[in-house]
Amino acid sequence: MGVRAAGNTRWRSFLIGSLSGAVEPVGGLVIVLLASLMTPALPYLLAFAAGAMLYVVVEELIPEASEGEHSNHSTLGFAIGFVLMMVLDVVMG
């Protein structure tokens, strides 16, 4: 709908949307073929993805976190608190 709102025809909008989705099966096939090579790095890649999602949630989905002059302080405070809770969870079992 965004492509259509930008002034493209229905057919061109459908084609652009379909082509943007056609990349996903190709990427999935590449990952399936490389899964055995990526097994040692998988925990680090998943941790990076989780950290990126937490950042997106705090920065974009919680409106109060990004308001005001010092909006980075709330994001940094959330990250420090999360790391502290993970450390306490590991230490205390």
PDB file of N, CA and C in Angstrom:
ATOM      1  N   MET A   1       0.820  -1.176   0.000  1.00  0.00           N
ATOM      2  CA  MET A   1       0.000   0.000   0.000  1.00  0.00           C
ATOM      3  C   MET A   1       0.872   1.251   0.000  1.00  0.00           C
ATOM      4  N   GLY A   2       2.029   1.154   0.606  1.00  0.00           N
ATOM      5  CA  GLY A   2       2.930   2.299   0.591  1.00  0.00           C
ATOM      6  C   GLY A   2       3.446   2.599  -0.800  1.00  0.00           C
ATOM      7  N   VAL A   3       3.717   1.562  -1.577  1.00  0.00           N
ATOM      8  CA  VAL A   3       4.197   1.754  -2.947  1.00  0.00           C
ATOM      9  C   VAL A   3       3.075   2.351  -3.798  1.00  0.00           C
ATOM     10  N   ARG A   4       1.854   1.891  -3.562  1.00  0.00           N
ATOM     11  CA  ARG A   4       0.696   2.422  -4.287  1.00  0.00           C
ATOM     12  C   ARG A   4       0.472   3.886  -3.922  1.00  0.00           C
ATOM     13  N   ALA A   5       0.632   4.226  -2.648  1.00  0.00           N
ATOM     14  CA  ALA A   5       0.451   5.606  -2.208  1.00  0.00           C
ATOM     15  C   ALA A   5       1.534   6.524  -2.775  1.00  0.00           C
ATOM     16  N   ALA A   6       2.660   5.953  -3.162  1.00  0.00           N
ATOM     17  CA  ALA A   6       3.740   6.755  -3.741  1.00  0.00           C
ATOM     18  C   ALA A   6       3.471   7.117  -5.194  1.00  0.00           C
ATOM     19  N   GLY A   7       2.350   6.614  -5.737  1.00  0.00           N
ATOM     20  CA  GLY A   7       1.981   7.007  -7.089  1.00  0.00           C
ATOM     21  C   GLY A   7       2.143   5.937  -8.145  1.00  0.00           C
ATOM     22  N   ASN A   8       2.449   4.719  -7.757  1.00  0.00           N
ATOM     23  CA  ASN A   8       2.598   3.646  -8.734  1.00  0.00           C
ATOM     24  C   ASN A   8       1.240   3.031  -9.051  1.00  0.00           C
ATOM     25  N   THR A   9       1.164   2.358 -10.199  1.00  0.00           N
ATOM     26  CA  THR A   9      -0.073   1.683 -10.578  1.00  0.00           C
ATOM     27  C   THR A   9      -0.264   0.442  -9.707  1.00  0.00           C
ATOM     28  N   ARG A  10      -1.460  -0.117  -9.772  1.00  0.00           N
ATOM     29  CA  ARG A  10      -1.728  -1.328  -8.984  1.00  0.00           C
ATOM     30  C   ARG A  10      -0.816  -2.477  -9.403  1.00  0.00           C
ATOM     31  N   TRP A  11      -0.654  -2.661 -10.702  1.00  0.00           N
ATOM     32  CA  TRP A  11       0.172  -3.762 -11.197  1.00  0.00           C
ATOM     33  C   TRP A  11       1.631  -3.581 -10.794  1.00  0.00           C
ATOM     34  N   ARG A  12       2.145  -2.376 -10.928  1.00  0.00           N
ATOM     35  CA  ARG A  12       3.546  -2.124 -10.548  1.00  0.00           C
ATOM     36  C   ARG A  12       3.726  -2.283  -9.038  1.00  0.00           C
ATOM     37  N   SER A  13       2.763  -1.845  -8.251  1.00  0.00           N
ATOM     38  CA  SER A  13       2.837  -2.005  -6.796  1.00  0.00           C
ATOM     39  C   SER A  13       2.838  -3.480  -6.417  1.00  0.00           C
ATOM     40  N   PHE A  14       1.976  -4.262  -7.075  1.00  0.00           N
ATOM     41  CA  PHE A  14       1.944  -5.709  -6.826  1.00  0.00           C
ATOM     42  C   PHE A  14       3.273  -6.351  -7.195  1.00  0.00           C
ATOM     43  N   LEU A  15       3.837  -5.965  -8.317  1.00  0.00           N
ATOM     44  CA  LEU A  15       5.101  -6.537  -8.772  1.00  0.00           C
ATOM     45  C   LEU A  15       6.242  -6.200  -7.810  1.00  0.00           C
ATOM     46  N   ILE A  16       6.306  -4.967  -7.365  1.00  0.00           N
ATOM     47  CA  ILE A  16       7.359  -4.562  -6.419  1.00  0.00           C
ATOM     48  C   ILE A  16       7.197  -5.305  -5.094  1.00  0.00           C
ATOM     49  N   GLY A  17       5.971  -5.421  -4.613  1.00  0.00           N
ATOM     50  CA  GLY A  17       5.726  -6.159  -3.376  1.00  0.00           C
ATOM     51  C   GLY A  17       6.086  -7.626  -3.496  1.00  0.00           C
ATOM     52  N   SER A  18       5.752  -8.225  -4.624  1.00  0.00           N
ATOM     53  CA  SER A  18       6.081  -9.632  -4.844  1.00  0.00           C
ATOM     54  C   SER A  18       7.585  -9.855  -4.940  1.00  0.00           C
ATOM     55  N   LEU A  19       8.273  -8.960  -5.618  1.00  0.00           N
ATOM     56  CA  LEU A  19       9.730  -9.095  -5.739  1.00  0.00           C
ATOM     57  C   LEU A  19      10.431  -8.910  -4.395  1.00  0.00           C
ATOM     58  N   SER A  20       9.901  -8.031  -3.553  1.00  0.00           N
ATOM     59  CA  SER A  20      10.519  -7.857  -2.241  1.00  0.00           C
ATOM     60  C   SER A  20      10.330  -9.104  -1.380  1.00  0.00           C
ATOM     61  N   GLY A  21       9.254  -9.832  -1.583  1.00  0.00           N
ATOM     62  CA  GLY A  21       9.039 -11.080  -0.842  1.00  0.00           C
ATOM     63  C   GLY A  21       9.757 -12.269  -1.450  1.00  0.00           C
ATOM     64  N   ALA A  22      10.155 -12.173  -2.716  1.00  0.00           N
ATOM     65  CA  ALA A  22      10.819 -13.293  -3.390  1.00  0.00           C
ATOM     66  C   ALA A  22      12.219 -13.531  -2.860  1.00  0.00           C
ATOM     67  N   VAL A  23      12.790 -12.582  -2.162  1.00  0.00           N
ATOM     68  CA  VAL A  23      14.145 -12.724  -1.633  1.00  0.00           C
ATOM     69  C   VAL A  23      14.162 -13.670  -0.431  1.00  0.00           C
ATOM     70  N   GLU A  24      13.072 -13.744   0.299  1.00  0.00           N
ATOM     71  CA  GLU A  24      13.044 -14.539   1.530  1.00  0.00           C
ATOM     72  C   GLU A  24      13.290 -16.031   1.300  1.00  0.00           C
ATOM     73  N   PRO A  25      12.639 -16.695   0.345  1.00  0.00           N
ATOM     74  CA  PRO A  25      12.954 -18.118   0.133  1.00  0.00           C
ATOM     75  C   PRO A  25      14.401 -18.353  -0.294  1.00  0.00           C
ATOM     76  N   VAL A  26      14.953 -17.434  -1.070  1.00  0.00           N
ATOM     77  CA  VAL A  26      16.356 -17.568  -1.497  1.00  0.00           C
ATOM     78  C   VAL A  26      17.272 -17.491  -0.281  1.00  0.00           C
ATOM     79  N   GLY A  27      17.037 -16.507   0.593  1.00  0.00           N
ATOM     80  CA  GLY A  27      17.836 -16.394   1.819  1.00  0.00           C
ATOM     81  C   GLY A  27      17.668 -17.601   2.729  1.00  0.00           C
ATOM     82  N   GLY A  28      16.443 -18.112   2.824  1.00  0.00           N
ATOM     83  CA  GLY A  28      16.205 -19.305   3.630  1.00  0.00           C
ATOM     84  C   GLY A  28      16.954 -20.514   3.106  1.00  0.00           C
ATOM     85  N   LEU A  29      16.973 -20.674   1.798  1.00  0.00           N
ATOM     86  CA  LEU A  29      17.697 -21.795   1.190  1.00  0.00           C
ATOM     87  C   LEU A  29      19.196 -21.682   1.440  1.00  0.00           C
ATOM     88  N   VAL A  30      19.739 -20.484   1.343  1.00  0.00           N
ATOM     89  CA  VAL A  30      21.170 -20.277   1.602  1.00  0.00           C
ATOM     90  C   VAL A  30      21.501 -20.633   3.047  1.00  0.00           C
ATOM     91  N   ILE A  31      20.661 -20.220   3.987  1.00  0.00           N
ATOM     92  CA  ILE A  31      20.899 -20.529   5.400  1.00  0.00           C
ATOM     93  C   ILE A  31      20.804 -22.027   5.662  1.00  0.00           C
ATOM     94  N   VAL A  32      19.852 -22.700   5.041  1.00  0.00           N
ATOM     95  CA  VAL A  32      19.735 -24.147   5.219  1.00  0.00           C
ATOM     96  C   VAL A  32      20.996 -24.844   4.708  1.00  0.00           C
ATOM     97  N   LEU A  33      21.518 -24.383   3.588  1.00  0.00           N
ATOM     98  CA  LEU A  33      22.727 -24.998   3.034  1.00  0.00           C
ATOM     99  C   LEU A  33      23.970 -24.693   3.865  1.00  0.00           C
ATOM    100  N   LEU A  34      24.008 -23.532   4.524  1.00  0.00           N
ATOM    101  CA  LEU A  34      25.172 -23.141   5.309  1.00  0.00           C
ATOM    102  C   LEU A  34      25.004 -23.400   6.812  1.00  0.00           C
ATOM    103  N   ALA A  35      23.921 -24.043   7.209  1.00  0.00           N
ATOM    104  CA  ALA A  35      23.638 -24.220   8.636  1.00  0.00           C
ATOM    105  C   ALA A  35      24.743 -24.989   9.356  1.00  0.00           C
ATOM    106  N   SER A  36      25.283 -25.997   8.731  1.00  0.00           N
ATOM    107  CA  SER A  36      26.326 -26.773   9.405  1.00  0.00           C
ATOM    108  C   SER A  36      27.602 -25.962   9.601  1.00  0.00           C
ATOM    109  N   LEU A  37      27.878 -25.029   8.705  1.00  0.00           N
ATOM    110  CA  LEU A  37      29.070 -24.191   8.848  1.00  0.00           C
ATOM    111  C   LEU A  37      28.881 -23.094   9.889  1.00  0.00           C
ATOM    112  N   MET A  38      27.625 -22.681  10.090  1.00  0.00           N
ATOM    113  CA  MET A  38      27.348 -21.562  10.983  1.00  0.00           C
ATOM    114  C   MET A  38      27.029 -21.997  12.411  1.00  0.00           C
ATOM    115  N   THR A  39      27.011 -23.285  12.686  1.00  0.00           N
ATOM    116  CA  THR A  39      26.641 -23.772  14.013  1.00  0.00           C
ATOM    117  C   THR A  39      27.501 -23.190  15.132  1.00  0.00           C
ATOM    118  N   PRO A  40      28.825 -23.077  15.001  1.00  0.00           N
ATOM    119  CA  PRO A  40      29.601 -22.492  16.100  1.00  0.00           C
ATOM    120  C   PRO A  40      29.283 -21.015  16.365  1.00  0.00           C
ATOM    121  N   ALA A  41      28.918 -20.285  15.344  1.00  0.00           N
ATOM    122  CA  ALA A  41      28.645 -18.849  15.508  1.00  0.00           C
ATOM    123  C   ALA A  41      27.186 -18.555  15.825  1.00  0.00           C
ATOM    124  N   LEU A  42      26.328 -19.560  15.782  1.00  0.00           N
ATOM    125  CA  LEU A  42      24.900 -19.336  15.943  1.00  0.00           C
ATOM    126  C   LEU A  42      24.509 -18.678  17.265  1.00  0.00           C
ATOM    127  N   PRO A  43      25.069 -19.078  18.414  1.00  0.00           N
ATOM    128  CA  PRO A  43      24.692 -18.393  19.657  1.00  0.00           C
ATOM    129  C   PRO A  43      25.016 -16.905  19.646  1.00  0.00           C
ATOM    130  N   TYR A  44      26.139 -16.532  19.054  1.00  0.00           N
ATOM    131  CA  TYR A  44      26.519 -15.127  18.996  1.00  0.00           C
ATOM    132  C   TYR A  44      25.608 -14.341  18.053  1.00  0.00           C
ATOM    133  N   LEU A  45      25.264 -14.954  16.922  1.00  0.00           N
ATOM    134  CA  LEU A  45      24.361 -14.300  15.988  1.00  0.00           C
ATOM    135  C   LEU A  45      22.968 -14.120  16.586  1.00  0.00           C
ATOM    136  N   LEU A  46      22.492 -15.128  17.304  1.00  0.00           N
ATOM    137  CA  LEU A  46      21.183 -15.023  17.945  1.00  0.00           C
ATOM    138  C   LEU A  46      21.196 -13.999  19.071  1.00  0.00           C
ATOM    139  N   ALA A  47      22.288 -13.922  19.815  1.00  0.00           N
ATOM    140  CA  ALA A  47      22.400 -12.908  20.869  1.00  0.00           C
ATOM    141  C   ALA A  47      22.409 -11.508  20.274  1.00  0.00           C
ATOM    142  N   PHE A  48      23.093 -11.334  19.158  1.00  0.00           N
ATOM    143  CA  PHE A  48      23.098 -10.038  18.488  1.00  0.00           C
ATOM    144  C   PHE A  48      21.697  -9.668  18.011  1.00  0.00           C
ATOM    145  N   ALA A  49      20.980 -10.637  17.444  1.00  0.00           N
ATOM    146  CA  ALA A  49      19.614 -10.376  16.978  1.00  0.00           C
ATOM    147  C   ALA A  49      18.695 -10.024  18.139  1.00  0.00           C
ATOM    148  N   ALA A  50      18.859 -10.711  19.262  1.00  0.00           N
ATOM    149  CA  ALA A  50      18.038 -10.408  20.438  1.00  0.00           C
ATOM    150  C   ALA A  50      18.338  -9.010  20.963  1.00  0.00           C
ATOM    151  N   GLY A  51      19.596  -8.641  20.997  1.00  0.00           N
ATOM    152  CA  GLY A  51      19.967  -7.298  21.432  1.00  0.00           C
ATOM    153  C   GLY A  51      19.415  -6.228  20.515  1.00  0.00           C
ATOM    154  N   ALA A  52      19.449  -6.493  19.219  1.00  0.00           N
ATOM    155  CA  ALA A  52      18.895  -5.534  18.262  1.00  0.00           C
ATOM    156  C   ALA A  52      17.396  -5.380  18.454  1.00  0.00           C
ATOM    157  N   MET A  53      16.697  -6.471  18.716  1.00  0.00           N
ATOM    158  CA  MET A  53      15.250  -6.392  18.933  1.00  0.00           C
ATOM    159  C   MET A  53      14.928  -5.666  20.231  1.00  0.00           C
ATOM    160  N   LEU A  54      15.705  -5.896  21.274  1.00  0.00           N
ATOM    161  CA  LEU A  54      15.479  -5.166  22.523  1.00  0.00           C
ATOM    162  C   LEU A  54      15.680  -3.671  22.316  1.00  0.00           C
ATOM    163  N   TYR A  55      16.687  -3.312  21.553  1.00  0.00           N
ATOM    164  CA  TYR A  55      16.923  -1.897  21.272  1.00  0.00           C
ATOM    165  C   TYR A  55      15.742  -1.289  20.523  1.00  0.00           C
ATOM    166  N   VAL A  56      15.234  -2.001  19.533  1.00  0.00           N
ATOM    167  CA  VAL A  56      14.097  -1.500  18.763  1.00  0.00           C
ATOM    168  C   VAL A  56      12.882  -1.325  19.655  1.00  0.00           C
ATOM    169  N   VAL A  57      12.649  -2.290  20.541  1.00  0.00           N
ATOM    170  CA  VAL A  57      11.494  -2.201  21.429  1.00  0.00           C
ATOM    171  C   VAL A  57      11.608  -0.997  22.345  1.00  0.00           C
ATOM    172  N   VAL A  58      12.768  -0.809  22.942  1.00  0.00           N
ATOM    173  CA  VAL A  58      12.934   0.302  23.886  1.00  0.00           C
ATOM    174  C   VAL A  58      12.909   1.641  23.163  1.00  0.00           C
ATOM    175  N   GLU A  59      13.583   1.733  22.050  1.00  0.00           N
ATOM    176  CA  GLU A  59      13.733   3.028  21.373  1.00  0.00           C
ATOM    177  C   GLU A  59      12.505   3.427  20.566  1.00  0.00           C
ATOM    178  N   GLU A  60      11.817   2.470  19.969  1.00  0.00           N
ATOM    179  CA  GLU A  60      10.730   2.816  19.057  1.00  0.00           C
ATOM    180  C   GLU A  60       9.336   2.522  19.597  1.00  0.00           C
ATOM    181  N   LEU A  61       9.183   1.467  20.368  1.00  0.00           N
ATOM    182  CA  LEU A  61       7.841   1.065  20.766  1.00  0.00           C
ATOM    183  C   LEU A  61       7.401   1.604  22.118  1.00  0.00           C
ATOM    184  N   ILE A  62       8.332   2.039  22.935  1.00  0.00           N
ATOM    185  CA  ILE A  62       7.975   2.652  24.211  1.00  0.00           C
ATOM    186  C   ILE A  62       8.137   4.158  24.021  1.00  0.00           C
ATOM    187  N   PRO A  63       7.030   4.875  23.813  1.00  0.00           N
ATOM    188  CA  PRO A  63       7.145   6.298  23.450  1.00  0.00           C
ATOM    189  C   PRO A  63       7.838   7.150  24.511  1.00  0.00           C
ATOM    190  N   GLU A  64       7.631   6.856  25.769  1.00  0.00           N
ATOM    191  CA  GLU A  64       8.232   7.666  26.823  1.00  0.00           C
ATOM    192  C   GLU A  64       9.754   7.538  26.851  1.00  0.00           C
ATOM    193  N   ALA A  65      10.277   6.459  26.327  1.00  0.00           N
ATOM    194  CA  ALA A  65      11.726   6.253  26.356  1.00  0.00           C
ATOM    195  C   ALA A  65      12.459   7.164  25.378  1.00  0.00           C
ATOM    196  N   SER A  66      11.775   7.612  24.341  1.00  0.00           N
ATOM    197  CA  SER A  66      12.466   8.439  23.350  1.00  0.00           C
ATOM    198  C   SER A  66      12.013   9.897  23.381  1.00  0.00           C
ATOM    199  N   GLU A  67      11.309  10.284  24.430  1.00  0.00           N
ATOM    200  CA  GLU A  67      10.891  11.682  24.551  1.00  0.00           C
ATOM    201  C   GLU A  67      11.931  12.476  25.333  1.00  0.00           C
ATOM    202  N   GLY A  68      11.965  13.734  25.089  1.00  0.00           N
ATOM    203  CA  GLY A  68      12.818  14.618  25.866  1.00  0.00           C
ATOM    204  C   GLY A  68      14.213  14.763  25.316  1.00  0.00           C
ATOM    205  N   GLU A  69      14.973  15.567  26.045  1.00  0.00           N
ATOM    206  CA  GLU A  69      16.322  15.913  25.618  1.00  0.00           C
ATOM    207  C   GLU A  69      17.315  14.774  25.813  1.00  0.00           C
ATOM    208  N   HIS A  70      17.133  13.985  26.857  1.00  0.00           N
ATOM    209  CA  HIS A  70      18.080  12.914  27.198  1.00  0.00           C
ATOM    210  C   HIS A  70      17.459  11.551  26.925  1.00  0.00           C
ATOM    211  N   SER A  71      17.040  11.313  25.708  1.00  0.00           N
ATOM    212  CA  SER A  71      16.348  10.061  25.391  1.00  0.00           C
ATOM    213  C   SER A  71      17.291   8.861  25.410  1.00  0.00           C
ATOM    214  N   ASN A  72      18.573   9.065  25.203  1.00  0.00           N
ATOM    215  CA  ASN A  72      19.510   7.935  25.211  1.00  0.00           C
ATOM    216  C   ASN A  72      19.744   7.393  26.619  1.00  0.00           C
ATOM    217  N   HIS A  73      19.496   8.203  27.624  1.00  0.00           N
ATOM    218  CA  HIS A  73      19.713   7.758  29.000  1.00  0.00           C
ATOM    219  C   HIS A  73      18.765   6.615  29.368  1.00  0.00           C
ATOM    220  N   SER A  74      17.520   6.702  28.922  1.00  0.00           N
ATOM    221  CA  SER A  74      16.574   5.635  29.246  1.00  0.00           C
ATOM    222  C   SER A  74      16.945   4.338  28.530  1.00  0.00           C
ATOM    223  N   THR A  75      17.402   4.428  27.291  1.00  0.00           N
ATOM    224  CA  THR A  75      17.825   3.232  26.561  1.00  0.00           C
ATOM    225  C   THR A  75      19.049   2.611  27.216  1.00  0.00           C
ATOM    226  N   LEU A  76      20.002   3.432  27.599  1.00  0.00           N
ATOM    227  CA  LEU A  76      21.198   2.939  28.272  1.00  0.00           C
ATOM    228  C   LEU A  76      20.848   2.344  29.632  1.00  0.00           C
ATOM    229  N   GLY A  77      19.962   2.995  30.367  1.00  0.00           N
ATOM    230  CA  GLY A  77      19.520   2.461  31.661  1.00  0.00           C
ATOM    231  C   GLY A  77      18.826   1.118  31.519  1.00  0.00           C
ATOM    232  N   PHE A  78      17.995   0.980  30.481  1.00  0.00           N
ATOM    233  CA  PHE A  78      17.351  -0.315  30.234  1.00  0.00           C
ATOM    234  C   PHE A  78      18.392  -1.391  29.945  1.00  0.00           C
ATOM    235  N   ALA A  79      19.380  -1.070  29.113  1.00  0.00           N
ATOM    236  CA  ALA A  79      20.412  -2.056  28.766  1.00  0.00           C
ATOM    237  C   ALA A  79      21.223  -2.460  29.991  1.00  0.00           C
ATOM    238  N   ILE A  80      21.590  -1.508  30.823  1.00  0.00           N
ATOM    239  CA  ILE A  80      22.356  -1.823  32.043  1.00  0.00           C
ATOM    240  C   ILE A  80      21.523  -2.671  32.990  1.00  0.00           C
ATOM    241  N   GLY A  81      20.258  -2.312  33.160  1.00  0.00           N
ATOM    242  CA  GLY A  81      19.371  -3.099  34.019  1.00  0.00           C
ATOM    243  C   GLY A  81      19.165  -4.513  33.509  1.00  0.00           C
ATOM    244  N   PHE A  82      19.045  -4.651  32.191  1.00  0.00           N
ATOM    245  CA  PHE A  82      18.866  -5.984  31.611  1.00  0.00           C
ATOM    246  C   PHE A  82      20.108  -6.839  31.812  1.00  0.00           C
ATOM    247  N   VAL A  83      21.273  -6.253  31.586  1.00  0.00           N
ATOM    248  CA  VAL A  83      22.526  -6.997  31.793  1.00  0.00           C
ATOM    249  C   VAL A  83      22.673  -7.376  33.259  1.00  0.00           C
ATOM    250  N   LEU A  84      22.347  -6.478  34.160  1.00  0.00           N
ATOM    251  CA  LEU A  84      22.416  -6.777  35.592  1.00  0.00           C
ATOM    252  C   LEU A  84      21.495  -7.928  35.971  1.00  0.00           C
ATOM    253  N   MET A  85      20.281  -7.934  35.432  1.00  0.00           N
ATOM    254  CA  MET A  85      19.357  -9.025  35.726  1.00  0.00           C
ATOM    255  C   MET A  85      19.860 -10.348  35.156  1.00  0.00           C
ATOM    256  N   MET A  86      20.483 -10.330  33.969  1.00  0.00           N
ATOM    257  CA  MET A  86      21.017 -11.559  33.407  1.00  0.00           C
ATOM    258  C   MET A  86      22.189 -12.078  34.248  1.00  0.00           C
ATOM    259  N   VAL A  87      23.036 -11.190  34.707  1.00  0.00           N
ATOM    260  CA  VAL A  87      24.163 -11.590  35.553  1.00  0.00           C
ATOM    261  C   VAL A  87      23.645 -12.181  36.856  1.00  0.00           C
ATOM    262  N   LEU A  88      22.676 -11.538  37.471  1.00  0.00           N
ATOM    263  CA  LEU A  88      22.109 -12.060  38.717  1.00  0.00           C
ATOM    264  C   LEU A  88      21.428 -13.404  38.500  1.00  0.00           C
ATOM    265  N   ASP A  89      20.792 -13.581  37.359  1.00  0.00           N
ATOM    266  CA  ASP A  89      20.149 -14.848  37.064  1.00  0.00           C
ATOM    267  C   ASP A  89      21.172 -15.977  36.935  1.00  0.00           C
ATOM    268  N   VAL A  90      22.312 -15.688  36.321  1.00  0.00           N
ATOM    269  CA  VAL A  90      23.343 -16.708  36.151  1.00  0.00           C
ATOM    270  C   VAL A  90      24.031 -16.987  37.491  1.00  0.00           C
ATOM    271  N   VAL A  91      24.319 -15.943  38.240  1.00  0.00           N
ATOM    272  CA  VAL A  91      25.043 -16.108  39.515  1.00  0.00           C
ATOM    273  C   VAL A  91      24.180 -16.837  40.552  1.00  0.00           C
ATOM    274  N   MET A  92      22.921 -16.475  40.633  1.00  0.00           N
ATOM    275  CA  MET A  92      22.046 -17.054  41.650  1.00  0.00           C
ATOM    276  C   MET A  92      21.325 -18.310  41.196  1.00  0.00           C
ATOM    277  N   GLY A  93      21.539 -18.691  39.970  1.00  0.00           N
ATOM    278  CA  GLY A  93      20.955 -19.939  39.491  1.00  0.00           C
ATOM    279  C   GLY A  93      19.560 -19.770  39.124  1.00  0.00           C
TER     280      GLY A  93
END
